[in-house]
Amino acid sequence: MRAWAVFLLLLAGCTGSPDKTTLIVYSPHGKELLTESEKGFEAQNPNIDVRWLDMGSQDALDRVRSEKANPQADIWWGAPSTMFSQAEKEGLLDAYKPTWSDKIESDAKSPNDSWYGTFQTPEVIAYNTAAISREEAPQDWDELLDPKWKNKIIIRDPLPSGGMRAIYSAMILRAMPADGSFEPGYMWLRRLDANTKEYVINLTILIQKIARQEALLTLWNMPDIELQKTQYGFPVDYIIPRSGTPVLTDAIAIVKGTRHRAEAEAFYEFVNSEDSLVSSATKFYRIPSRNDIPKDRLPEWMQNLNIPKMDMKWDLVEAKSQEWMEHWDSYIRGAGATP
């Protein structure tokens, strides 16, 4: 009840100017990118007041789901596409075909126009550069299980995080035998848990603890680690696992029942315009899903990316990830390698 009361107070503060329409955005993209997008959009649309709520991907889905009868958000911007697919099946999203719809690969958009990919997000192994050299850091997923890393790993709590859920799902898939058993993947996660010192609630705490060497390794997405390293000077860097990594399609959608449809469409178009995507790439290291952005407008490091993509059965992830995470939370978290 207390959390809901806080949310009601927040919404009460979102009335904005009486001469402006308030547009509510749910997103996990962080205050830096969200603030930049808010200011840019409002400069072009002075009659709209953007208010965003920064939350985990799973939290955003849960909130949109719980508010189905009385939607509070207009736009949901950011989460793995599997979550948007689930929301689409539950009737939580309004279809919208953006002007750039033909500039997105077919596997990065809904066939019914319920959601579209905005960014491509590779997952990586991150490490403290003051304590570990690049050569010493784990070069692939299985190296994280080496006993020498016991109590040296810290992880963002996977339950509210779409990215961490995707990484854990990928580990189950890569260990899955021909008979489709989940147990080898669960055992892999048990061994990772045995080396994990702590699970933390958000990226800010995670990076601070890595910087203070309370732990030395973590798993997270490449753009956020690049941002923490380059813009904020944290002693972190990353390894792209040599055997391949899940590359998530990060999507956007209009929430079904929005009372500000035209404004929501305008925001949808703005954050996925060529200029906005170039800005997100340059300032926040986000890799565009659109395939028509001129290479010479993107940062040099992004122009010829060659990331080994893990083969992901996204339909299976969508169907089973909740079951996998419930099993992890009930039987693996804190249990170490004990079956």
C-alpha atoms as a PDB file:
ATOM      1  CA  MET A   1       0.000   0.000   0.000  1.00  0.00           C
ATOM      2  CA  ARG A   2       2.819   2.397   0.833  1.00  0.00           C
ATOM      3  CA  ALA A   3       4.412   2.007  -2.656  1.00  0.00           C
ATOM      4  CA  TRP A   4       1.019   2.548  -4.310  1.00  0.00           C
ATOM      5  CA  ALA A   5       0.410   5.659  -2.211  1.00  0.00           C
ATOM      6  CA  VAL A   6       3.773   7.063  -3.272  1.00  0.00           C
ATOM      7  CA  PHE A   7       2.873   6.384  -6.903  1.00  0.00           C
ATOM      8  CA  LEU A   8      -0.454   8.204  -6.536  1.00  0.00           C
ATOM      9  CA  LEU A   9       1.369  11.192  -5.072  1.00  0.00           C
ATOM     10  CA  LEU A  10       3.796  11.103  -7.989  1.00  0.00           C
ATOM     11  CA  LEU A  11       0.964  11.100 -10.478  1.00  0.00           C
ATOM     12  CA  ALA A  12      -0.689  13.928  -8.591  1.00  0.00           C
ATOM     13  CA  GLY A  13       2.508  15.896  -9.201  1.00  0.00           C
ATOM     14  CA  CYS A  14       2.391  15.101 -12.903  1.00  0.00           C
ATOM     15  CA  THR A  15      -0.472  17.466 -13.688  1.00  0.00           C
ATOM     16  CA  GLY A  16       2.046  19.986 -15.035  1.00  0.00           C
ATOM     17  CA  SER A  17       0.939  23.280 -16.540  1.00  0.00           C
ATOM     18  CA  PRO A  18      -2.796  23.599 -17.265  1.00  0.00           C
ATOM     19  CA  ASP A  19      -1.842  24.632 -20.798  1.00  0.00           C
ATOM     20  CA  LYS A  20       0.158  21.434 -21.410  1.00  0.00           C
ATOM     21  CA  THR A  21      -0.672  17.780 -21.920  1.00  0.00           C
ATOM     22  CA  THR A  22       1.189  15.474 -19.534  1.00  0.00           C
ATOM     23  CA  LEU A  23       2.675  12.393 -21.191  1.00  0.00           C
ATOM     24  CA  ILE A  24       3.696   9.548 -18.831  1.00  0.00           C
ATOM     25  CA  VAL A  25       6.576   7.280 -19.886  1.00  0.00           C
ATOM     26  CA  TYR A  26       7.578   4.057 -18.104  1.00  0.00           C
ATOM     27  CA  SER A  27      11.187   3.155 -18.849  1.00  0.00           C
ATOM     28  CA  PRO A  28      14.328   1.463 -17.499  1.00  0.00           C
ATOM     29  CA  HIS A  29      16.630   3.628 -19.628  1.00  0.00           C
ATOM     30  CA  GLY A  30      18.048   5.687 -16.761  1.00  0.00           C
ATOM     31  CA  LYS A  31      17.807   9.338 -15.837  1.00  0.00           C
ATOM     32  CA  GLU A  32      20.521  10.509 -18.258  1.00  0.00           C
ATOM     33  CA  LEU A  33      18.920   9.203 -21.458  1.00  0.00           C
ATOM     34  CA  LEU A  34      15.389   9.916 -20.239  1.00  0.00           C
ATOM     35  CA  THR A  35      16.213  13.504 -19.260  1.00  0.00           C
ATOM     36  CA  GLU A  36      17.916  14.126 -22.605  1.00  0.00           C
ATOM     37  CA  SER A  37      14.914  12.736 -24.501  1.00  0.00           C
ATOM     38  CA  GLU A  38      12.458  14.683 -22.363  1.00  0.00           C
ATOM     39  CA  LYS A  39      14.213  18.000 -23.008  1.00  0.00           C
ATOM     40  CA  GLY A  40      14.649  17.397 -26.729  1.00  0.00           C
ATOM     41  CA  PHE A  41      11.040  16.350 -27.233  1.00  0.00           C
ATOM     42  CA  GLU A  42       9.613  19.204 -25.181  1.00  0.00           C
ATOM     43  CA  ALA A  43      11.714  21.717 -27.131  1.00  0.00           C
ATOM     44  CA  GLN A  44       9.942  20.555 -30.292  1.00  0.00           C
ATOM     45  CA  ASN A  45       6.566  20.088 -28.592  1.00  0.00           C
ATOM     46  CA  PRO A  46       6.161  22.925 -26.055  1.00  0.00           C
ATOM     47  CA  ASN A  47       2.524  21.956 -25.460  1.00  0.00           C
ATOM     48  CA  ILE A  48       3.566  18.560 -23.985  1.00  0.00           C
ATOM     49  CA  ASP A  49       5.035  17.919 -20.533  1.00  0.00           C
ATOM     50  CA  VAL A  50       6.909  14.587 -20.437  1.00  0.00           C
ATOM     51  CA  ARG A  51       7.043  12.829 -17.070  1.00  0.00           C
ATOM     52  CA  TRP A  52       9.013   9.577 -16.877  1.00  0.00           C
ATOM     53  CA  LEU A  53       9.260   6.899 -14.237  1.00  0.00           C
ATOM     54  CA  ASP A  54      12.593   5.046 -14.248  1.00  0.00           C
ATOM     55  CA  MET A  55      12.073   1.410 -13.222  1.00  0.00           C
ATOM     56  CA  GLY A  56      13.218  -2.120 -14.028  1.00  0.00           C
ATOM     57  CA  SER A  57      11.890  -3.818 -17.155  1.00  0.00           C
ATOM     58  CA  GLN A  58       9.898  -6.402 -15.226  1.00  0.00           C
ATOM     59  CA  ASP A  59       8.541  -3.684 -12.955  1.00  0.00           C
ATOM     60  CA  ALA A  60       7.327  -1.777 -16.019  1.00  0.00           C
ATOM     61  CA  LEU A  61       5.544  -4.832 -17.408  1.00  0.00           C
ATOM     62  CA  ASP A  62       3.992  -5.631 -14.025  1.00  0.00           C
ATOM     63  CA  ARG A  63       2.769  -2.063 -13.630  1.00  0.00           C
ATOM     64  CA  VAL A  64       1.268  -1.869 -17.125  1.00  0.00           C
ATOM     65  CA  ARG A  65      -0.387  -5.223 -16.433  1.00  0.00           C
ATOM     66  CA  SER A  66      -1.803  -4.142 -13.058  1.00  0.00           C
ATOM     67  CA  GLU A  67      -3.133  -0.898 -14.547  1.00  0.00           C
ATOM     68  CA  LYS A  68      -4.890  -2.524 -17.492  1.00  0.00           C
ATOM     69  CA  ALA A  69      -8.343  -1.431 -16.321  1.00  0.00           C
ATOM     70  CA  ASN A  70      -7.169   2.146 -15.742  1.00  0.00           C
ATOM     71  CA  PRO A  71      -3.933   2.841 -17.669  1.00  0.00           C
ATOM     72  CA  GLN A  72      -1.642   5.465 -16.142  1.00  0.00           C
ATOM     73  CA  ALA A  73       1.201   5.364 -18.672  1.00  0.00           C
ATOM     74  CA  ASP A  74       1.047   6.482 -22.281  1.00  0.00           C
ATOM     75  CA  ILE A  75       4.364   5.035 -23.487  1.00  0.00           C
ATOM     76  CA  TRP A  76       6.378   2.023 -22.369  1.00  0.00           C
ATOM     77  CA  TRP A  77       9.912   2.524 -23.631  1.00  0.00           C
ATOM     78  CA  GLY A  78      12.509  -0.117 -22.895  1.00  0.00           C
ATOM     79  CA  ALA A  79      12.573  -3.843 -22.114  1.00  0.00           C
ATOM     80  CA  PRO A  80      13.528  -7.002 -23.998  1.00  0.00           C
ATOM     81  CA  SER A  81      11.171  -7.732 -26.882  1.00  0.00           C
ATOM     82  CA  THR A  82      10.026 -10.940 -25.174  1.00  0.00           C
ATOM     83  CA  MET A  83       8.313  -8.825 -22.522  1.00  0.00           C
ATOM     84  CA  PHE A  84       6.593  -6.718 -25.158  1.00  0.00           C
ATOM     85  CA  SER A  85       5.462  -9.886 -26.947  1.00  0.00           C
ATOM     86  CA  GLN A  86       3.939 -11.108 -23.699  1.00  0.00           C
ATOM     87  CA  ALA A  87       2.231  -7.754 -23.155  1.00  0.00           C
ATOM     88  CA  GLU A  88       0.904  -7.886 -26.723  1.00  0.00           C
ATOM     89  CA  LYS A  89      -0.669 -11.308 -26.081  1.00  0.00           C
ATOM     90  CA  GLU A  90      -2.290  -9.946 -22.920  1.00  0.00           C
ATOM     91  CA  GLY A  91      -3.856  -7.057 -24.815  1.00  0.00           C
ATOM     92  CA  LEU A  92      -1.823  -4.371 -23.048  1.00  0.00           C
ATOM     93  CA  LEU A  93      -0.480  -2.533 -26.117  1.00  0.00           C
ATOM     94  CA  ASP A  94      -1.993  -0.390 -28.860  1.00  0.00           C
ATOM     95  CA  ALA A  95      -0.826  -1.031 -32.424  1.00  0.00           C
ATOM     96  CA  TYR A  96       1.082   1.750 -34.138  1.00  0.00           C
ATOM     97  CA  LYS A  97       3.004   1.614 -37.425  1.00  0.00           C
ATOM     98  CA  PRO A  98       5.751   4.238 -37.279  1.00  0.00           C
ATOM     99  CA  THR A  99       6.970   6.123 -40.330  1.00  0.00           C
ATOM    100  CA  TRP A 100      10.253   4.133 -40.197  1.00  0.00           C
ATOM    101  CA  SER A 101       8.598   0.698 -39.920  1.00  0.00           C
ATOM    102  CA  ASP A 102      10.308  -0.636 -43.058  1.00  0.00           C
ATOM    103  CA  LYS A 103      13.742   0.241 -41.631  1.00  0.00           C
ATOM    104  CA  ILE A 104      13.531  -2.495 -38.943  1.00  0.00           C
ATOM    105  CA  GLU A 105      14.367  -6.166 -39.459  1.00  0.00           C
ATOM    106  CA  SER A 106      11.380  -8.494 -39.201  1.00  0.00           C
ATOM    107  CA  ASP A 107      12.682 -10.172 -36.014  1.00  0.00           C
ATOM    108  CA  ALA A 108      12.937  -6.787 -34.267  1.00  0.00           C
ATOM    109  CA  LYS A 109       9.287  -5.774 -34.490  1.00  0.00           C
ATOM    110  CA  SER A 110       5.824  -7.111 -33.851  1.00  0.00           C
ATOM    111  CA  PRO A 111       4.104  -8.541 -36.938  1.00  0.00           C
ATOM    112  CA  ASN A 112       0.998  -6.721 -35.687  1.00  0.00           C
ATOM    113  CA  ASP A 113       2.763  -3.370 -35.107  1.00  0.00           C
ATOM    114  CA  SER A 114       2.258  -3.657 -31.338  1.00  0.00           C
ATOM    115  CA  TRP A 115       5.928  -2.859 -30.614  1.00  0.00           C
ATOM    116  CA  TYR A 116       9.124  -1.964 -32.476  1.00  0.00           C
ATOM    117  CA  GLY A 117      12.781  -2.361 -31.615  1.00  0.00           C
ATOM    118  CA  THR A 118      14.693   0.786 -30.722  1.00  0.00           C
ATOM    119  CA  PHE A 119      18.103  -0.502 -29.607  1.00  0.00           C
ATOM    120  CA  GLN A 120      20.186  -3.673 -29.930  1.00  0.00           C
ATOM    121  CA  THR A 121      21.749  -4.487 -26.574  1.00  0.00           C
ATOM    122  CA  PRO A 122      24.597  -7.017 -26.182  1.00  0.00           C
ATOM    123  CA  GLU A 123      25.211  -8.513 -22.736  1.00  0.00           C
ATOM    124  CA  VAL A 124      28.779  -8.656 -21.411  1.00  0.00           C
ATOM    125  CA  ILE A 125      31.069  -9.628 -18.537  1.00  0.00           C
ATOM    126  CA  ALA A 126      32.250  -6.479 -16.739  1.00  0.00           C
ATOM    127  CA  TYR A 127      35.238  -6.150 -14.420  1.00  0.00           C
ATOM    128  CA  ASN A 128      37.127  -3.676 -12.250  1.00  0.00           C
ATOM    129  CA  THR A 129      40.113  -2.509 -14.293  1.00  0.00           C
ATOM    130  CA  ALA A 130      42.086  -1.399 -11.216  1.00  0.00           C
ATOM    131  CA  ALA A 131      42.059  -4.923  -9.808  1.00  0.00           C
ATOM    132  CA  ILE A 132      41.972  -7.204 -12.869  1.00  0.00           C
ATOM    133  CA  SER A 133      43.733  -6.896 -16.202  1.00  0.00           C
ATOM    134  CA  ARG A 134      41.849  -7.545 -19.417  1.00  0.00           C
ATOM    135  CA  GLU A 135      43.798 -10.774 -19.865  1.00  0.00           C
ATOM    136  CA  GLU A 136      42.962 -11.972 -16.341  1.00  0.00           C
ATOM    137  CA  ALA A 137      39.247 -11.259 -16.639  1.00  0.00           C
ATOM    138  CA  PRO A 138      36.910 -14.126 -17.617  1.00  0.00           C
ATOM    139  CA  GLN A 139      36.775 -14.374 -21.385  1.00  0.00           C
ATOM    140  CA  ASP A 140      33.681 -16.570 -21.545  1.00  0.00           C
ATOM    141  CA  TRP A 141      30.674 -17.537 -19.468  1.00  0.00           C
ATOM    142  CA  ASP A 142      32.034 -20.763 -18.008  1.00  0.00           C
ATOM    143  CA  GLU A 143      35.122 -19.008 -16.653  1.00  0.00           C
ATOM    144  CA  LEU A 144      32.842 -17.195 -14.201  1.00  0.00           C
ATOM    145  CA  LEU A 145      32.402 -20.530 -12.419  1.00  0.00           C
ATOM    146  CA  ASP A 146      36.086 -20.859 -11.519  1.00  0.00           C
ATOM    147  CA  PRO A 147      36.394 -21.065  -7.692  1.00  0.00           C
ATOM    148  CA  LYS A 148      38.966 -18.259  -7.775  1.00  0.00           C
ATOM    149  CA  TRP A 149      36.078 -15.848  -8.353  1.00  0.00           C
ATOM    150  CA  LYS A 150      34.190 -16.913  -5.215  1.00  0.00           C
ATOM    151  CA  ASN A 151      32.766 -13.786  -3.517  1.00  0.00           C
ATOM    152  CA  LYS A 152      34.217 -11.682  -6.329  1.00  0.00           C
ATOM    153  CA  ILE A 153      30.973 -11.457  -8.346  1.00  0.00           C
ATOM    154  CA  ILE A 154      28.090  -9.067  -7.706  1.00  0.00           C
ATOM    155  CA  ILE A 155      24.873  -9.205  -9.699  1.00  0.00           C
ATOM    156  CA  ARG A 156      21.879  -6.942 -10.244  1.00  0.00           C
ATOM    157  CA  ASP A 157      18.846  -8.736  -8.798  1.00  0.00           C
ATOM    158  CA  PRO A 158      17.454 -10.619 -11.820  1.00  0.00           C
ATOM    159  CA  LEU A 159      13.790 -10.569 -10.771  1.00  0.00           C
ATOM    160  CA  PRO A 160      13.048  -6.917 -11.731  1.00  0.00           C
ATOM    161  CA  SER A 161      15.656  -6.759 -14.515  1.00  0.00           C
ATOM    162  CA  GLY A 162      14.812  -7.786 -18.070  1.00  0.00           C
ATOM    163  CA  GLY A 163      18.480  -7.842 -19.045  1.00  0.00           C
ATOM    164  CA  MET A 164      19.516 -10.140 -16.211  1.00  0.00           C
ATOM    165  CA  ARG A 165      16.553 -12.408 -16.883  1.00  0.00           C
ATOM    166  CA  ALA A 166      17.745 -12.670 -20.486  1.00  0.00           C
ATOM    167  CA  ILE A 167      21.285 -13.551 -19.399  1.00  0.00           C
ATOM    168  CA  TYR A 168      20.030 -16.257 -17.019  1.00  0.00           C
ATOM    169  CA  SER A 169      17.707 -17.585 -19.729  1.00  0.00           C
ATOM    170  CA  ALA A 170      20.636 -17.702 -22.147  1.00  0.00           C
ATOM    171  CA  MET A 171      22.655 -19.757 -19.669  1.00  0.00           C
ATOM    172  CA  ILE A 172      19.804 -22.267 -19.367  1.00  0.00           C
ATOM    173  CA  LEU A 173      19.456 -22.479 -23.148  1.00  0.00           C
ATOM    174  CA  ARG A 174      23.182 -22.959 -23.829  1.00  0.00           C
ATOM    175  CA  ALA A 175      23.312 -25.827 -21.294  1.00  0.00           C
ATOM    176  CA  MET A 176      20.102 -27.467 -22.502  1.00  0.00           C
ATOM    177  CA  PRO A 177      20.586 -31.077 -23.714  1.00  0.00           C
ATOM    178  CA  ALA A 178      18.696 -32.711 -26.561  1.00  0.00           C
ATOM    179  CA  ASP A 179      15.944 -33.877 -24.212  1.00  0.00           C
ATOM    180  CA  GLY A 180      15.151 -30.259 -23.293  1.00  0.00           C
ATOM    181  CA  SER A 181      15.936 -30.613 -19.577  1.00  0.00           C
ATOM    182  CA  PHE A 182      16.401 -27.389 -17.641  1.00  0.00           C
ATOM    183  CA  GLU A 183      18.486 -29.042 -14.925  1.00  0.00           C
ATOM    184  CA  PRO A 184      21.956 -28.548 -16.524  1.00  0.00           C
ATOM    185  CA  GLY A 185      21.175 -24.844 -16.808  1.00  0.00           C
ATOM    186  CA  TYR A 186      19.954 -24.721 -13.233  1.00  0.00           C
ATOM    187  CA  MET A 187      23.197 -26.376 -12.113  1.00  0.00           C
ATOM    188  CA  TRP A 188      25.186 -23.730 -14.024  1.00  0.00           C
ATOM    189  CA  LEU A 189      23.243 -21.017 -12.195  1.00  0.00           C
ATOM    190  CA  ARG A 190      23.888 -22.778  -8.855  1.00  0.00           C
ATOM    191  CA  ARG A 191      27.606 -22.674  -9.518  1.00  0.00           C
ATOM    192  CA  LEU A 192      27.379 -19.000 -10.449  1.00  0.00           C
ATOM    193  CA  ASP A 193      25.434 -18.361  -7.249  1.00  0.00           C
ATOM    194  CA  ALA A 194      28.224 -20.101  -5.291  1.00  0.00           C
ATOM    195  CA  ASN A 195      30.641 -17.433  -6.578  1.00  0.00           C
ATOM    196  CA  THR A 196      28.205 -14.528  -6.134  1.00  0.00           C
ATOM    197  CA  LYS A 197      28.778 -12.324  -3.119  1.00  0.00           C
ATOM    198  CA  GLU A 198      25.621 -10.239  -3.364  1.00  0.00           C
ATOM    199  CA  TYR A 199      22.532  -9.345  -5.408  1.00  0.00           C
ATOM    200  CA  VAL A 200      21.776  -5.607  -5.488  1.00  0.00           C
ATOM    201  CA  ILE A 201      18.681  -3.635  -6.333  1.00  0.00           C
ATOM    202  CA  ASN A 202      19.985  -1.375  -9.124  1.00  0.00           C
ATOM    203  CA  LEU A 203      22.861  -0.499 -11.428  1.00  0.00           C
ATOM    204  CA  THR A 204      23.981   2.520  -9.367  1.00  0.00           C
ATOM    205  CA  ILE A 205      24.703   0.407  -6.292  1.00  0.00           C
ATOM    206  CA  LEU A 206      26.280  -2.308  -8.421  1.00  0.00           C
ATOM    207  CA  ILE A 207      28.755   0.046 -10.107  1.00  0.00           C
ATOM    208  CA  GLN A 208      29.652   1.749  -6.839  1.00  0.00           C
ATOM    209  CA  LYS A 209      30.434  -1.583  -5.197  1.00  0.00           C
ATOM    210  CA  ILE A 210      32.539  -2.679  -8.180  1.00  0.00           C
ATOM    211  CA  ALA A 211      34.411   0.645  -8.074  1.00  0.00           C
ATOM    212  CA  ARG A 212      35.147   0.173  -4.355  1.00  0.00           C
ATOM    213  CA  GLN A 213      36.323  -3.388  -5.081  1.00  0.00           C
ATOM    214  CA  GLU A 214      33.703  -4.892  -2.815  1.00  0.00           C
ATOM    215  CA  ALA A 215      33.388  -7.251  -5.770  1.00  0.00           C
ATOM    216  CA  LEU A 216      35.331  -7.380  -9.037  1.00  0.00           C
ATOM    217  CA  LEU A 217      33.024  -8.876 -11.660  1.00  0.00           C
ATOM    218  CA  THR A 218      29.454  -8.534 -12.852  1.00  0.00           C
ATOM    219  CA  LEU A 219      27.169  -9.309 -15.781  1.00  0.00           C
ATOM    220  CA  TRP A 220      25.367  -6.454 -17.480  1.00  0.00           C
ATOM    221  CA  ASN A 221      24.715  -4.811 -20.826  1.00  0.00           C
ATOM    222  CA  MET A 222      27.465  -3.252 -22.906  1.00  0.00           C
ATOM    223  CA  PRO A 223      26.003   0.278 -23.391  1.00  0.00           C
ATOM    224  CA  ASP A 224      25.572   0.892 -19.653  1.00  0.00           C
ATOM    225  CA  ILE A 225      29.093  -0.296 -18.841  1.00  0.00           C
ATOM    226  CA  GLU A 226      30.514   1.877 -21.632  1.00  0.00           C
ATOM    227  CA  LEU A 227      28.584   4.849 -20.222  1.00  0.00           C
ATOM    228  CA  GLN A 228      29.847   4.283 -16.671  1.00  0.00           C
ATOM    229  CA  LYS A 229      33.417   3.945 -17.929  1.00  0.00           C
ATOM    230  CA  THR A 230      33.536   6.798 -20.420  1.00  0.00           C
ATOM    231  CA  GLN A 231      31.259   9.477 -19.000  1.00  0.00           C
ATOM    232  CA  TYR A 232      31.612   8.893 -15.272  1.00  0.00           C
ATOM    233  CA  GLY A 233      35.153   7.573 -15.051  1.00  0.00           C
ATOM    234  CA  PHE A 234      34.387   4.388 -13.130  1.00  0.00           C
ATOM    235  CA  PRO A 235      37.232   1.822 -13.325  1.00  0.00           C
ATOM    236  CA  VAL A 236      35.212  -0.703 -15.332  1.00  0.00           C
ATOM    237  CA  ASP A 237      35.497  -2.356 -18.706  1.00  0.00           C
ATOM    238  CA  TYR A 238      33.890  -5.350 -20.362  1.00  0.00           C
ATOM    239  CA  ILE A 239      34.531  -8.584 -22.216  1.00  0.00           C
ATOM    240  CA  ILE A 240      32.215  -9.831 -24.955  1.00  0.00           C
ATOM    241  CA  PRO A 241      32.107 -13.607 -24.278  1.00  0.00           C
ATOM    242  CA  ARG A 242      33.946 -15.364 -27.089  1.00  0.00           C
ATOM    243  CA  SER A 243      31.368 -18.159 -27.461  1.00  0.00           C
ATOM    244  CA  GLY A 244      28.607 -15.631 -28.086  1.00  0.00           C
ATOM    245  CA  THR A 245      26.262 -13.436 -26.126  1.00  0.00           C
ATOM    246  CA  PRO A 246      22.535 -12.693 -26.136  1.00  0.00           C
ATOM    247  CA  VAL A 247      21.789  -9.505 -28.046  1.00  0.00           C
ATOM    248  CA  LEU A 248      18.459  -8.124 -26.885  1.00  0.00           C
ATOM    249  CA  THR A 249      16.057  -6.108 -28.961  1.00  0.00           C
ATOM    250  CA  ASP A 250      15.012  -3.249 -26.706  1.00  0.00           C
ATOM    251  CA  ALA A 251      11.561  -2.060 -27.748  1.00  0.00           C
ATOM    252  CA  ILE A 252       8.909   0.637 -27.436  1.00  0.00           C
ATOM    253  CA  ALA A 253       5.103   0.559 -27.474  1.00  0.00           C
ATOM    254  CA  ILE A 254       2.018   2.675 -26.860  1.00  0.00           C
ATOM    255  CA  VAL A 255       0.070   1.528 -23.816  1.00  0.00           C
ATOM    256  CA  LYS A 256      -3.454   0.409 -24.668  1.00  0.00           C
ATOM    257  CA  GLY A 257      -6.006   2.876 -23.388  1.00  0.00           C
ATOM    258  CA  THR A 258      -3.765   5.936 -23.479  1.00  0.00           C
ATOM    259  CA  ARG A 259      -5.745   9.151 -23.295  1.00  0.00           C
ATOM    260  CA  HIS A 260      -3.026  10.987 -25.230  1.00  0.00           C
ATOM    261  CA  ARG A 261      -2.700   8.973 -28.416  1.00  0.00           C
ATOM    262  CA  ALA A 262      -1.420  11.778 -30.671  1.00  0.00           C
ATOM    263  CA  GLU A 263       1.180  12.880 -28.133  1.00  0.00           C
ATOM    264  CA  ALA A 264       2.288   9.275 -27.598  1.00  0.00           C
ATOM    265  CA  GLU A 265       2.764   8.798 -31.342  1.00  0.00           C
ATOM    266  CA  ALA A 266       4.793  12.001 -31.510  1.00  0.00           C
ATOM    267  CA  PHE A 267       7.100  10.802 -28.697  1.00  0.00           C
ATOM    268  CA  TYR A 268       7.411   7.368 -30.357  1.00  0.00           C
ATOM    269  CA  GLU A 269       8.549   9.044 -33.575  1.00  0.00           C
ATOM    270  CA  PHE A 270      10.880  11.510 -31.837  1.00  0.00           C
ATOM    271  CA  VAL A 271      12.964   9.040 -29.807  1.00  0.00           C
ATOM    272  CA  ASN A 272      13.364   6.815 -32.868  1.00  0.00           C
ATOM    273  CA  SER A 273      14.178   9.580 -35.341  1.00  0.00           C
ATOM    274  CA  GLU A 274      17.578   9.471 -36.995  1.00  0.00           C
ATOM    275  CA  ASP A 275      18.831  12.461 -34.997  1.00  0.00           C
ATOM    276  CA  SER A 276      17.655  11.029 -31.668  1.00  0.00           C
ATOM    277  CA  LEU A 277      19.171   7.623 -32.373  1.00  0.00           C
ATOM    278  CA  VAL A 278      22.489   9.211 -33.377  1.00  0.00           C
ATOM    279  CA  SER A 279      22.412  11.241 -30.156  1.00  0.00           C
ATOM    280  CA  SER A 280      21.652   8.109 -28.092  1.00  0.00           C
ATOM    281  CA  ALA A 281      24.496   6.286 -29.836  1.00  0.00           C
ATOM    282  CA  THR A 282      26.978   9.111 -29.310  1.00  0.00           C
ATOM    283  CA  LYS A 283      26.098  10.106 -25.742  1.00  0.00           C
ATOM    284  CA  PHE A 284      24.702   6.883 -24.284  1.00  0.00           C
ATOM    285  CA  TYR A 285      26.289   4.130 -26.414  1.00  0.00           C
ATOM    286  CA  ARG A 286      22.960   2.728 -27.594  1.00  0.00           C
ATOM    287  CA  ILE A 287      23.077   0.669 -30.779  1.00  0.00           C
ATOM    288  CA  PRO A 288      20.125   1.565 -33.054  1.00  0.00           C
ATOM    289  CA  SER A 289      17.746  -1.110 -34.289  1.00  0.00           C
ATOM    290  CA  ARG A 290      17.000   0.925 -37.396  1.00  0.00           C
ATOM    291  CA  ASN A 291      19.144  -0.283 -40.286  1.00  0.00           C
ATOM    292  CA  ASP A 292      19.149   2.968 -42.265  1.00  0.00           C
ATOM    293  CA  ILE A 293      21.280   5.142 -39.971  1.00  0.00           C
ATOM    294  CA  PRO A 294      24.339   6.266 -41.996  1.00  0.00           C
ATOM    295  CA  LYS A 295      27.465   4.657 -40.548  1.00  0.00           C
ATOM    296  CA  ASP A 296      29.410   7.888 -40.665  1.00  0.00           C
ATOM    297  CA  ARG A 297      26.913   9.465 -38.247  1.00  0.00           C
ATOM    298  CA  LEU A 298      27.538   6.776 -35.626  1.00  0.00           C
ATOM    299  CA  PRO A 299      30.486   6.612 -33.221  1.00  0.00           C
ATOM    300  CA  GLU A 300      33.533   4.993 -34.776  1.00  0.00           C
ATOM    301  CA  TRP A 301      33.431   1.984 -32.434  1.00  0.00           C
ATOM    302  CA  MET A 302      29.854   1.262 -33.528  1.00  0.00           C
ATOM    303  CA  GLN A 303      30.393   1.475 -37.276  1.00  0.00           C
ATOM    304  CA  ASN A 304      31.735  -2.040 -37.805  1.00  0.00           C
ATOM    305  CA  LEU A 305      30.569  -4.015 -34.799  1.00  0.00           C
ATOM    306  CA  ASN A 306      31.136  -7.753 -34.996  1.00  0.00           C
ATOM    307  CA  ILE A 307      29.463  -9.203 -31.909  1.00  0.00           C
ATOM    308  CA  PRO A 308      29.182 -13.007 -31.763  1.00  0.00           C
ATOM    309  CA  LYS A 309      25.436 -13.480 -31.302  1.00  0.00           C
ATOM    310  CA  MET A 310      24.228 -16.380 -29.198  1.00  0.00           C
ATOM    311  CA  ASP A 311      21.481 -18.363 -30.876  1.00  0.00           C
ATOM    312  CA  MET A 312      18.470 -17.647 -28.661  1.00  0.00           C
ATOM    313  CA  LYS A 313      15.107 -19.397 -28.824  1.00  0.00           C
ATOM    314  CA  TRP A 314      13.191 -16.254 -27.971  1.00  0.00           C
ATOM    315  CA  ASP A 315       9.780 -17.961 -28.158  1.00  0.00           C
ATOM    316  CA  LEU A 316      10.936 -20.428 -25.508  1.00  0.00           C
ATOM    317  CA  VAL A 317      12.396 -17.614 -23.412  1.00  0.00           C
ATOM    318  CA  GLU A 318       9.077 -15.783 -23.558  1.00  0.00           C
ATOM    319  CA  ALA A 319       7.165 -18.921 -22.581  1.00  0.00           C
ATOM    320  CA  LYS A 320       9.487 -20.175 -19.838  1.00  0.00           C
ATOM    321  CA  SER A 321      11.477 -17.277 -18.395  1.00  0.00           C
ATOM    322  CA  GLN A 322       9.012 -16.647 -15.569  1.00  0.00           C
ATOM    323  CA  GLU A 323       9.122 -20.330 -14.595  1.00  0.00           C
ATOM    324  CA  TRP A 324      12.924 -20.289 -14.746  1.00  0.00           C
ATOM    325  CA  MET A 325      13.174 -17.194 -12.587  1.00  0.00           C
ATOM    326  CA  GLU A 326      10.719 -18.521 -10.014  1.00  0.00           C
ATOM    327  CA  HIS A 327      12.783 -21.719  -9.784  1.00  0.00           C
ATOM    328  CA  TRP A 328      15.984 -19.689  -9.432  1.00  0.00           C
ATOM    329  CA  ASP A 329      14.489 -17.501  -6.719  1.00  0.00           C
ATOM    330  CA  SER A 330      13.075 -20.455  -4.761  1.00  0.00           C
ATOM    331  CA  TYR A 331      15.816 -23.064  -5.094  1.00  0.00           C
ATOM    332  CA  ILE A 332      19.053 -21.449  -6.305  1.00  0.00           C
ATOM    333  CA  ARG A 333      19.429 -17.928  -4.906  1.00  0.00           C
ATOM    334  CA  GLY A 334      21.772 -18.156  -1.935  1.00  0.00           C
ATOM    335  CA  ALA A 335      22.066 -21.941  -2.135  1.00  0.00           C
ATOM    336  CA  GLY A 336      25.417 -22.063  -3.960  1.00  0.00           C
ATOM    337  CA  ALA A 337      26.287 -25.249  -5.801  1.00  0.00           C
ATOM    338  CA  THR A 338      24.173 -27.515  -3.593  1.00  0.00           C
ATOM    339  CA  PRO A 339      21.528 -29.312  -5.720  1.00  0.00           C
END
